[in-house]
Protein backbone atom coordinates (compact mmCIF):
# COMPACT_ATOMS: atom_id res chain seq x y z
CA LYS A 1 0.00 0.00 0.00
CA ALA A 2 1.47 3.36 -1.05
CA SER A 3 1.79 6.20 1.44
CA ALA A 4 -0.01 9.48 0.78
CA ARG A 5 2.61 11.47 2.73
CA ALA A 6 4.64 13.81 0.51
CA MET A 7 8.38 13.64 0.89
CA PRO A 8 10.50 16.79 0.57
CA THR A 9 12.46 17.00 -2.66
CA SER A 10 15.22 19.28 -1.43
CA PRO A 11 17.49 18.86 1.58
CA PRO A 12 16.60 20.79 4.74
CA ILE A 13 17.87 24.33 5.08
CA GLU A 14 20.86 24.44 7.40
CA PRO A 15 20.34 27.28 9.91
CA ALA A 16 23.24 29.44 10.92
CA PRO A 17 25.07 28.43 14.10
CA PRO A 18 24.29 30.45 17.24
CA PRO A 19 25.94 33.90 17.14
CA LYS A 20 28.39 35.17 19.74
CA SER A 21 27.41 38.79 19.20
CA SER A 22 25.24 40.76 16.87
CA SER A 23 26.66 42.19 13.69
CA SER A 24 23.40 42.54 11.77
CA TYR A 25 21.76 45.94 11.79
CA ALA A 26 25.17 47.41 12.69
CA SER A 27 24.58 50.70 10.91
CA ASN A 28 21.31 51.56 12.64
CA MET A 29 21.30 49.73 15.94
CA ALA A 30 21.68 51.53 19.20
CA TYR A 31 22.78 48.47 21.23
CA SER A 32 24.99 45.49 20.56
CA VAL A 33 23.53 42.10 21.51
CA GLU A 34 26.00 39.73 23.14
CA PHE A 35 25.66 36.25 24.64
CA SER A 36 27.11 34.99 27.88
CA ARG A 37 28.84 31.61 27.71
CA ARG A 38 25.82 30.10 29.38
CA ALA A 39 23.44 31.61 26.80
CA GLU A 40 25.67 30.35 23.95
CA ARG A 41 25.54 26.88 25.51
CA ASP A 42 21.76 27.21 25.90
CA LEU A 43 21.37 28.05 22.18
CA GLY A 44 23.52 25.08 21.20
CA GLN A 45 21.46 22.75 23.39
CA ILE A 46 18.17 24.11 22.03
CA PHE A 47 19.46 23.72 18.45
CA ALA A 48 20.31 20.07 19.14
CA ALA A 49 17.16 19.32 21.15
CA ILE A 50 14.78 20.49 18.44
CA HIS A 51 16.83 18.83 15.67
CA ALA A 52 17.13 22.13 13.78
CA ALA A 53 19.79 20.67 11.48
CA ASP A 54 17.35 17.99 10.30
CA SER A 55 14.02 19.80 10.06
CA GLN A 56 13.05 22.87 8.06
CA ALA A 57 10.29 23.70 10.55
CA ALA A 58 12.68 23.44 13.50
CA ALA A 59 15.27 25.50 11.63
CA ARG A 60 12.68 28.23 10.95
CA TRP A 61 11.66 28.19 14.64
CA PHE A 62 15.30 28.48 15.73
CA ASP A 63 15.96 31.28 13.25
CA GLY A 64 12.88 33.06 14.65
CA LEU A 65 14.27 32.73 18.17
CA GLN A 66 17.54 34.29 17.05
CA ALA A 67 15.71 37.07 15.17
CA ASP A 68 13.64 37.87 18.26
CA ILE A 69 16.83 38.14 20.30
CA GLU A 70 18.41 40.38 17.65
CA LYS A 71 15.44 42.78 17.89
CA LEU A 72 16.70 43.68 21.36
CA ALA A 73 19.36 45.75 19.55
CA THR A 74 16.72 48.34 18.68
CA LEU A 75 14.13 47.65 21.41
CA PRO A 76 16.10 46.63 24.50
CA ASN A 77 13.46 47.73 27.02
CA ARG A 78 10.62 45.70 25.51
CA GLY A 79 11.13 42.82 27.96
CA THR A 80 9.54 42.61 31.39
CA LEU A 81 11.57 43.17 34.55
CA THR A 82 11.92 40.05 36.69
CA ARG A 83 10.55 40.02 40.24
CA TYR A 84 13.78 38.66 41.71
CA ASP A 85 16.33 41.01 40.07
CA PRO A 86 15.52 44.62 39.10
CA ASN A 87 18.35 44.62 36.52
CA LEU A 88 17.23 41.47 34.73
CA ARG A 89 14.57 41.40 32.03
CA PHE A 90 12.90 38.58 30.14
CA LEU A 91 11.09 37.85 26.90
CA HIS A 92 9.08 34.80 25.97
CA TYR A 93 9.48 33.13 22.60
CA GLY A 94 7.36 30.33 21.14
CA ASN A 95 3.90 28.91 21.74
CA LYS A 96 2.71 26.54 24.46
CA PRO A 97 4.08 24.07 25.29
CA HIS A 98 7.33 25.15 23.59
CA ILE A 99 7.90 28.52 25.23
CA TYR A 100 11.40 29.71 26.05
CA ARG A 101 12.32 32.53 28.41
CA ILE A 102 15.16 34.77 27.27
CA LEU A 103 16.82 36.43 30.28
CA TYR A 104 18.96 39.50 29.62
CA ARG A 105 20.54 42.62 31.10
CA ILE A 106 20.85 46.07 29.58
CA ASP A 107 24.01 48.11 30.05
CA ASP A 108 23.04 51.63 28.98
CA ARG A 109 26.55 52.98 29.54
CA SER A 110 28.07 50.71 26.93
CA ASN A 111 24.91 50.36 24.79
CA ARG A 112 24.98 46.61 25.25
CA VAL A 113 22.36 43.92 25.77
CA LEU A 114 23.77 40.79 27.40
CA ILE A 115 21.76 37.61 26.92
CA VAL A 116 22.31 35.79 30.21
CA HIS A 117 20.28 32.59 29.87
CA ILE A 118 17.64 30.96 27.67
CA ARG A 119 15.35 28.56 29.57
CA HIS A 120 12.46 26.35 28.62
CA GLY A 121 9.25 27.76 30.11
CA ALA A 122 8.38 24.46 31.82
CA ARG A 123 11.45 24.70 34.07
CA ALA A 124 11.06 25.99 37.60
CA PRO A 125 11.56 29.76 37.84
CA LEU A 126 14.86 31.17 39.04
CA SER A 127 14.78 32.49 42.56
């Protein structure tokens, strides 16, 4: 019996590896976006966990996550302040049950946004 499922005819799109700092929008961005070692590790783990190298849908989702983070270069204050640290903000990315929390700090003196940690929303909150 033949399957009705369509198979892709082209190989999956390989997403770019996680960035260490932002270089896109360099001419018109007010802030640089940088990643802590922990946040770089988080991105690598998310990339592997969702199989972004093997799935076009996962690659698009991962690219969207990175694009949302890059938007902090022009809108750094759009995130919500955390209750446990007045200098730490967060954004949510994704849809239930696949929501991730992007934790970051803004350094206005050096016009820098530091991505501190990226956590799955189902994990217990930091305290």
